[in-house]
Amino acid sequence: MTKKAKIVKEIKIERPERMKLSAEESIKRTKEFDKRKEKFIATIRQGKN
């Protein structure tokens, strides 16, 4: 039996430009991180596969 060769595609990852946040917005996001943490971790795990 022969295995089919996988097609490998090159992917270029581009990050969006950094947002300019006010001090208040930064604090707000830091406090709300616990609510978003699980989604954030799940996204990272999906990216590793």
C-alpha atoms as a PDB file:
ATOM      1  CA  MET A   1       0.000   0.000   0.000  1.00  0.00           C
ATOM      2  CA  THR A   2       1.226   3.470  -0.819  1.00  0.00           C
ATOM      3  CA  LYS A   3       0.287   6.580   1.087  1.00  0.00           C
ATOM      4  CA  LYS A   4      -0.777   9.737  -0.683  1.00  0.00           C
ATOM      5  CA  ALA A   5       1.621  12.634  -0.259  1.00  0.00           C
ATOM      6  CA  LYS A   6       0.201  15.648   1.541  1.00  0.00           C
ATOM      7  CA  ILE A   7       0.160  18.946  -0.261  1.00  0.00           C
ATOM      8  CA  VAL A   8       2.099  21.517   1.741  1.00  0.00           C
ATOM      9  CA  LYS A   9       1.116  25.153   1.375  1.00  0.00           C
ATOM     10  CA  GLU A  10       3.154  28.067   2.610  1.00  0.00           C
ATOM     11  CA  ILE A  11       1.168  30.358   4.876  1.00  0.00           C
ATOM     12  CA  LYS A  12       2.239  33.893   5.615  1.00  0.00           C
ATOM     13  CA  ILE A  13       0.925  35.193   8.923  1.00  0.00           C
ATOM     14  CA  GLU A  14       0.323  38.911   9.066  1.00  0.00           C
ATOM     15  CA  ARG A  15      -0.582  40.665  12.279  1.00  0.00           C
ATOM     16  CA  PRO A  16      -3.024  43.564  12.175  1.00  0.00           C
ATOM     17  CA  GLU A  17      -1.734  46.992  13.087  1.00  0.00           C
ATOM     18  CA  ARG A  18      -1.602  47.658  16.793  1.00  0.00           C
ATOM     19  CA  MET A  19      -4.559  49.557  18.181  1.00  0.00           C
ATOM     20  CA  LYS A  20      -4.005  52.740  20.152  1.00  0.00           C
ATOM     21  CA  LEU A  21      -5.729  52.210  23.498  1.00  0.00           C
ATOM     22  CA  SER A  22      -6.420  54.723  26.199  1.00  0.00           C
ATOM     23  CA  ALA A  23      -5.367  53.958  29.755  1.00  0.00           C
ATOM     24  CA  GLU A  24      -9.008  53.389  30.716  1.00  0.00           C
ATOM     25  CA  GLU A  25      -9.524  50.928  27.863  1.00  0.00           C
ATOM     26  CA  SER A  26      -6.372  49.011  28.838  1.00  0.00           C
ATOM     27  CA  ILE A  27      -7.544  48.675  32.426  1.00  0.00           C
ATOM     28  CA  LYS A  28     -11.005  47.602  31.288  1.00  0.00           C
ATOM     29  CA  ARG A  29      -9.563  44.884  29.028  1.00  0.00           C
ATOM     30  CA  THR A  30      -7.269  43.657  31.796  1.00  0.00           C
ATOM     31  CA  LYS A  31     -10.190  43.304  34.198  1.00  0.00           C
ATOM     32  CA  GLU A  32     -12.331  41.508  31.588  1.00  0.00           C
ATOM     33  CA  PHE A  33      -9.582  39.055  30.612  1.00  0.00           C
ATOM     34  CA  ASP A  34     -10.895  36.353  32.955  1.00  0.00           C
ATOM     35  CA  LYS A  35     -14.117  36.303  30.926  1.00  0.00           C
ATOM     36  CA  ARG A  36     -12.205  35.914  27.644  1.00  0.00           C
ATOM     37  CA  LYS A  37      -9.425  33.623  28.883  1.00  0.00           C
ATOM     38  CA  GLU A  38     -11.001  30.291  27.907  1.00  0.00           C
ATOM     39  CA  LYS A  39     -11.739  31.470  24.369  1.00  0.00           C
ATOM     40  CA  PHE A  40      -8.213  32.854  24.092  1.00  0.00           C
ATOM     41  CA  ILE A  41      -6.635  29.552  25.190  1.00  0.00           C
ATOM     42  CA  ALA A  42      -8.891  27.536  22.849  1.00  0.00           C
ATOM     43  CA  THR A  43      -7.817  29.712  19.913  1.00  0.00           C
ATOM     44  CA  ILE A  44      -4.142  29.127  20.685  1.00  0.00           C
ATOM     45  CA  ARG A  45      -4.666  25.360  20.964  1.00  0.00           C
ATOM     46  CA  GLN A  46      -6.461  25.276  17.594  1.00  0.00           C
ATOM     47  CA  GLY A  47      -3.571  27.162  16.021  1.00  0.00           C
ATOM     48  CA  LYS A  48      -1.018  24.573  17.148  1.00  0.00           C
ATOM     49  CA  ASN A  49      -2.769  21.740  15.298  1.00  0.00           C
END
